[in-house]
C-alpha cells in the first residue's frame, strides 16, 4: 500500500521530495507488542485543497501499520477527489502483462 499511495500521489502531480513519511514506535500491549505508525503526507505545494494528511495506525509489524495508514489516505482521496483519482489510476498500473524473456520458469 505505501508504494501504491506514492504512485497515485506522484501521478496526481506530487513532486519528488514530497513523498509520504512513515514514523514508527514499538508499544508493549499485553502479551505481545504492536508497532505504532504515523504516516505524514505533506502538502502538494501547489494546490491548497491538497493540504496533506497525518494518520496513525498500529500493526504487528511496521509494514502492516504503514499499509493501514496508506490505505486510510487512499480512502480519503477516493472520497474527496474521485475524478482526479480515476485519472491517476490510469497511469499507476502497467498496460501490458510482464513477461519473462529468459526461458526459466519462476515457478
N, C-alpha and C. Protein backbone atom coordinates (compact mmCIF):
# COMPACT_ATOMS: atom_id res chain seq x y z
N UNK A 1 0.80 -1.21 0.00
CA UNK A 1 0.00 0.00 0.00
C UNK A 1 0.85 1.28 0.00
N UNK A 2 1.93 1.35 0.78
CA UNK A 2 2.72 2.58 0.73
C UNK A 2 3.25 2.90 -0.67
N UNK A 3 3.67 1.88 -1.41
CA UNK A 3 4.15 2.10 -2.78
C UNK A 3 3.01 2.57 -3.67
N UNK A 4 1.86 1.95 -3.54
CA UNK A 4 0.70 2.34 -4.34
C UNK A 4 0.30 3.78 -4.02
N UNK A 5 0.31 4.14 -2.74
CA UNK A 5 -0.03 5.52 -2.37
C UNK A 5 0.91 6.50 -3.04
N UNK A 6 2.21 6.22 -3.01
CA UNK A 6 3.15 7.16 -3.63
C UNK A 6 2.96 7.22 -5.13
N UNK A 7 2.69 6.09 -5.78
CA UNK A 7 2.46 6.10 -7.23
C UNK A 7 1.24 6.94 -7.58
N UNK A 8 0.19 6.81 -6.77
CA UNK A 8 -1.02 7.61 -7.02
C UNK A 8 -0.73 9.08 -6.82
N UNK A 9 -0.09 9.43 -5.70
CA UNK A 9 0.22 10.83 -5.44
C UNK A 9 1.12 11.41 -6.52
N UNK A 10 2.10 10.63 -6.94
CA UNK A 10 3.03 11.08 -7.97
C UNK A 10 2.30 11.33 -9.29
N UNK A 11 1.40 10.42 -9.65
CA UNK A 11 0.67 10.61 -10.91
C UNK A 11 -0.35 11.74 -10.81
N UNK A 12 -0.68 12.17 -9.59
CA UNK A 12 -1.58 13.30 -9.41
C UNK A 12 -0.82 14.61 -9.29
N UNK A 13 0.51 14.56 -9.49
CA UNK A 13 1.28 15.78 -9.53
C UNK A 13 2.17 16.06 -8.34
N UNK A 14 2.22 15.16 -7.38
CA UNK A 14 3.13 15.37 -6.25
C UNK A 14 4.57 15.30 -6.74
N UNK A 15 5.40 16.28 -6.39
CA UNK A 15 6.79 16.28 -6.87
C UNK A 15 7.68 15.38 -6.02
N UNK A 16 8.80 14.98 -6.59
CA UNK A 16 9.82 14.24 -5.83
C UNK A 16 10.21 15.09 -4.63
N UNK A 17 10.48 14.43 -3.53
CA UNK A 17 10.84 15.14 -2.31
C UNK A 17 9.65 15.42 -1.41
N UNK A 18 8.43 15.14 -1.90
CA UNK A 18 7.21 15.33 -1.10
C UNK A 18 6.56 13.98 -0.80
N UNK A 19 7.35 12.91 -0.78
CA UNK A 19 6.84 11.58 -0.54
C UNK A 19 6.27 11.45 0.88
N UNK A 20 5.32 10.54 1.07
CA UNK A 20 4.85 10.27 2.43
C UNK A 20 5.99 9.76 3.30
N UNK A 21 5.96 10.11 4.56
CA UNK A 21 6.95 9.65 5.54
C UNK A 21 6.23 8.82 6.58
N UNK A 22 6.87 7.74 7.00
CA UNK A 22 6.30 6.84 7.99
C UNK A 22 7.23 6.79 9.19
N UNK A 23 6.67 7.08 10.36
CA UNK A 23 7.44 7.06 11.60
C UNK A 23 6.86 5.97 12.50
N UNK A 24 7.73 5.18 13.10
CA UNK A 24 7.21 4.07 13.90
C UNK A 24 7.79 4.10 15.31
N UNK A 25 7.00 3.52 16.22
CA UNK A 25 7.45 3.29 17.59
C UNK A 25 6.83 1.98 18.07
N UNK A 26 7.57 1.26 18.87
CA UNK A 26 7.11 -0.04 19.34
C UNK A 26 6.41 0.14 20.68
N UNK A 27 5.24 -0.47 20.82
CA UNK A 27 4.45 -0.37 22.04
C UNK A 27 4.24 -1.77 22.61
N UNK A 28 4.33 -1.90 23.91
CA UNK A 28 4.04 -3.17 24.57
C UNK A 28 2.57 -3.17 24.95
N UNK A 29 1.82 -4.12 24.45
CA UNK A 29 0.40 -4.23 24.76
C UNK A 29 0.10 -5.66 25.18
N UNK A 30 -0.18 -5.87 26.43
CA UNK A 30 -0.49 -7.21 26.91
C UNK A 30 0.69 -8.15 26.72
N UNK A 31 0.43 -9.32 26.15
CA UNK A 31 1.47 -10.32 25.93
C UNK A 31 2.34 -10.01 24.71
N UNK A 32 1.80 -9.29 23.76
CA UNK A 32 2.56 -9.02 22.54
C UNK A 32 2.92 -7.56 22.43
N UNK A 33 3.47 -7.22 21.31
CA UNK A 33 3.80 -5.82 21.09
C UNK A 33 3.24 -5.39 19.75
N UNK A 34 2.92 -4.13 19.67
CA UNK A 34 2.41 -3.54 18.44
C UNK A 34 3.37 -2.44 18.01
N UNK A 35 3.36 -2.18 16.75
CA UNK A 35 4.15 -1.09 16.20
C UNK A 35 3.19 0.03 15.84
N UNK A 36 3.40 1.18 16.44
CA UNK A 36 2.60 2.35 16.10
C UNK A 36 3.24 3.06 14.92
N UNK A 37 2.43 3.43 13.97
CA UNK A 37 2.92 4.10 12.76
C UNK A 37 2.20 5.44 12.63
N UNK A 38 2.97 6.46 12.34
CA UNK A 38 2.39 7.74 11.97
C UNK A 38 2.80 8.00 10.53
N UNK A 39 1.81 8.12 9.66
CA UNK A 39 2.07 8.42 8.25
C UNK A 39 1.79 9.90 8.02
N UNK A 40 2.77 10.58 7.46
CA UNK A 40 2.63 12.01 7.19
C UNK A 40 2.79 12.22 5.69
N UNK A 41 1.72 12.72 5.07
CA UNK A 41 1.77 13.09 3.66
C UNK A 41 1.79 14.61 3.62
N UNK A 42 2.89 15.21 3.17
CA UNK A 42 2.97 16.67 3.16
C UNK A 42 2.03 17.28 2.14
N UNK A 43 1.86 18.58 2.21
CA UNK A 43 1.06 19.27 1.20
C UNK A 43 1.73 19.11 -0.16
N UNK A 44 0.93 19.22 -1.21
CA UNK A 44 1.49 19.06 -2.55
C UNK A 44 2.33 20.27 -2.94
N UNK A 45 2.10 21.38 -2.31
CA UNK A 45 2.86 22.57 -2.62
C UNK A 45 2.20 23.49 -3.62
N UNK A 46 1.28 22.98 -4.41
CA UNK A 46 0.67 23.81 -5.45
C UNK A 46 -0.80 24.12 -5.22
N UNK A 47 -1.56 23.17 -4.73
CA UNK A 47 -3.00 23.32 -4.61
C UNK A 47 -3.38 23.32 -3.13
N UNK A 48 -4.04 24.39 -2.63
CA UNK A 48 -4.39 24.42 -1.22
C UNK A 48 -5.40 23.34 -0.80
N UNK A 49 -6.14 22.77 -1.78
CA UNK A 49 -7.07 21.69 -1.44
C UNK A 49 -6.32 20.44 -1.00
N UNK A 50 -5.07 20.32 -1.45
CA UNK A 50 -4.25 19.17 -1.09
C UNK A 50 -3.43 19.55 0.14
N UNK A 51 -4.10 19.64 1.27
CA UNK A 51 -3.48 20.15 2.48
C UNK A 51 -2.62 19.17 3.23
N UNK A 52 -2.49 17.96 2.74
CA UNK A 52 -1.68 16.96 3.43
C UNK A 52 -2.52 16.12 4.38
N UNK A 53 -1.94 15.05 4.86
CA UNK A 53 -2.62 14.11 5.74
C UNK A 53 -1.67 13.64 6.83
N UNK A 54 -2.22 13.33 7.98
CA UNK A 54 -1.48 12.68 9.06
C UNK A 54 -2.40 11.60 9.61
N UNK A 55 -1.96 10.35 9.54
CA UNK A 55 -2.74 9.23 10.05
C UNK A 55 -1.88 8.40 10.99
N UNK A 56 -2.52 7.90 12.04
CA UNK A 56 -1.86 6.98 12.96
C UNK A 56 -2.53 5.63 12.86
N UNK A 57 -1.74 4.59 12.91
CA UNK A 57 -2.28 3.24 12.90
C UNK A 57 -1.35 2.34 13.69
N UNK A 58 -1.78 1.09 13.88
CA UNK A 58 -0.97 0.11 14.59
C UNK A 58 -0.98 -1.20 13.82
N UNK A 59 0.09 -1.95 13.99
CA UNK A 59 0.19 -3.25 13.36
C UNK A 59 1.17 -4.11 14.12
N UNK A 60 1.19 -5.39 13.81
CA UNK A 60 2.15 -6.28 14.47
C UNK A 60 3.54 -6.12 13.88
N UNK A 61 3.62 -5.57 12.67
CA UNK A 61 4.89 -5.29 12.01
C UNK A 61 4.80 -3.89 11.41
N UNK A 62 5.94 -3.23 11.20
CA UNK A 62 5.89 -1.88 10.64
C UNK A 62 5.16 -1.80 9.30
N UNK A 63 5.37 -2.77 8.42
CA UNK A 63 4.73 -2.71 7.10
C UNK A 63 3.22 -2.80 7.23
N UNK A 64 2.72 -3.60 8.18
CA UNK A 64 1.28 -3.72 8.36
C UNK A 64 0.67 -2.39 8.81
N UNK A 65 1.31 -1.73 9.76
CA UNK A 65 0.82 -0.43 10.20
C UNK A 65 0.90 0.62 9.11
N UNK A 66 2.00 0.62 8.34
CA UNK A 66 2.16 1.56 7.24
C UNK A 66 1.11 1.32 6.16
N UNK A 67 0.80 0.06 5.91
CA UNK A 67 -0.21 -0.27 4.90
C UNK A 67 -1.59 0.23 5.31
N UNK A 68 -1.92 0.07 6.60
CA UNK A 68 -3.20 0.57 7.09
C UNK A 68 -3.29 2.08 6.95
N UNK A 69 -2.21 2.78 7.28
CA UNK A 69 -2.20 4.24 7.17
C UNK A 69 -2.29 4.67 5.72
N UNK A 70 -1.55 4.01 4.83
CA UNK A 70 -1.58 4.35 3.40
C UNK A 70 -2.98 4.12 2.83
N UNK A 71 -3.62 3.03 3.25
CA UNK A 71 -4.99 2.76 2.78
C UNK A 71 -5.95 3.84 3.26
N UNK A 72 -5.77 4.33 4.49
CA UNK A 72 -6.63 5.40 5.00
C UNK A 72 -6.50 6.66 4.16
N UNK A 73 -5.28 6.99 3.74
CA UNK A 73 -5.08 8.15 2.87
C UNK A 73 -5.74 7.91 1.51
N UNK A 74 -5.54 6.73 0.94
CA UNK A 74 -6.16 6.42 -0.35
C UNK A 74 -7.69 6.48 -0.26
N UNK A 75 -8.24 5.98 0.82
CA UNK A 75 -9.70 6.02 1.00
C UNK A 75 -10.18 7.47 1.07
N UNK A 76 -9.43 8.31 1.79
CA UNK A 76 -9.80 9.72 1.86
C UNK A 76 -9.70 10.39 0.48
N UNK A 77 -8.67 10.04 -0.27
CA UNK A 77 -8.54 10.56 -1.64
C UNK A 77 -9.74 10.16 -2.50
N UNK A 78 -10.18 8.90 -2.36
CA UNK A 78 -11.32 8.43 -3.15
C UNK A 78 -12.58 9.21 -2.82
N UNK A 79 -12.75 9.57 -1.54
CA UNK A 79 -13.95 10.31 -1.14
C UNK A 79 -13.89 11.78 -1.56
N UNK A 80 -12.72 12.40 -1.43
CA UNK A 80 -12.60 13.84 -1.68
C UNK A 80 -12.32 14.20 -3.14
N UNK A 81 -11.60 13.34 -3.86
CA UNK A 81 -11.17 13.66 -5.22
C UNK A 81 -11.43 12.48 -6.17
N UNK A 82 -12.68 12.06 -6.33
CA UNK A 82 -12.92 10.85 -7.14
C UNK A 82 -12.50 10.99 -8.60
N UNK A 83 -12.75 12.14 -9.22
CA UNK A 83 -12.39 12.31 -10.63
C UNK A 83 -10.89 12.31 -10.84
N UNK A 84 -10.18 13.05 -9.98
CA UNK A 84 -8.72 13.11 -10.09
C UNK A 84 -8.09 11.75 -9.87
N UNK A 85 -8.65 11.02 -8.91
CA UNK A 85 -8.12 9.69 -8.60
C UNK A 85 -8.37 8.72 -9.76
N UNK A 86 -9.52 8.82 -10.40
CA UNK A 86 -9.82 7.95 -11.54
C UNK A 86 -8.80 8.17 -12.66
N UNK A 87 -8.44 9.41 -12.92
CA UNK A 87 -7.44 9.71 -13.95
C UNK A 87 -6.05 9.25 -13.52
N UNK A 88 -5.76 9.36 -12.23
CA UNK A 88 -4.43 8.98 -11.73
C UNK A 88 -4.22 7.47 -11.83
N UNK A 89 -5.26 6.69 -11.57
CA UNK A 89 -5.10 5.24 -11.60
C UNK A 89 -4.70 4.73 -12.97
N UNK A 90 -5.10 5.43 -14.01
CA UNK A 90 -4.73 5.00 -15.36
C UNK A 90 -3.22 4.99 -15.55
N UNK A 91 -2.51 5.88 -14.90
CA UNK A 91 -1.06 5.93 -15.04
C UNK A 91 -0.30 5.12 -14.02
N UNK A 92 -1.02 4.54 -13.05
CA UNK A 92 -0.36 3.81 -11.97
C UNK A 92 -0.07 2.36 -12.35
N UNK A 93 -0.99 1.73 -13.03
CA UNK A 93 -0.85 0.31 -13.32
C UNK A 93 -0.34 0.10 -14.74
N UNK A 94 0.51 -0.92 -14.96
CA UNK A 94 1.03 -1.19 -16.30
C UNK A 94 -0.09 -1.59 -17.26
N UNK A 95 0.11 -1.27 -18.52
CA UNK A 95 -0.91 -1.59 -19.52
C UNK A 95 -0.68 -2.94 -20.19
N UNK A 96 0.47 -3.55 -19.95
CA UNK A 96 0.79 -4.85 -20.55
C UNK A 96 1.11 -5.83 -19.44
N UNK A 97 1.02 -7.09 -19.76
CA UNK A 97 1.39 -8.13 -18.82
C UNK A 97 2.89 -8.35 -18.89
N UNK A 98 3.58 -8.30 -17.76
CA UNK A 98 5.02 -8.53 -17.80
C UNK A 98 5.33 -9.96 -18.23
N UNK A 99 6.37 -10.12 -19.01
CA UNK A 99 6.77 -11.45 -19.47
C UNK A 99 8.24 -11.68 -19.14
N UNK A 100 8.59 -12.94 -18.98
CA UNK A 100 9.98 -13.33 -18.77
C UNK A 100 10.59 -13.65 -20.13
N UNK A 101 11.78 -13.19 -20.37
CA UNK A 101 12.43 -13.41 -21.65
C UNK A 101 13.60 -14.41 -21.53
N UNK A 102 13.71 -15.07 -20.38
CA UNK A 102 14.89 -15.92 -20.19
C UNK A 102 14.59 -17.42 -20.33
N UNK A 103 13.34 -17.80 -20.45
CA UNK A 103 13.01 -19.20 -20.63
C UNK A 103 13.03 -20.00 -19.33
N UNK A 104 13.31 -19.38 -18.21
CA UNK A 104 13.31 -20.07 -16.92
C UNK A 104 11.99 -19.74 -16.22
N UNK A 105 11.28 -20.77 -15.83
CA UNK A 105 10.01 -20.55 -15.16
C UNK A 105 10.23 -20.05 -13.74
N UNK A 106 9.50 -18.98 -13.34
CA UNK A 106 9.65 -18.50 -11.97
C UNK A 106 8.95 -19.39 -10.96
N UNK A 107 8.23 -20.41 -11.42
CA UNK A 107 7.52 -21.29 -10.52
C UNK A 107 8.27 -22.55 -10.46
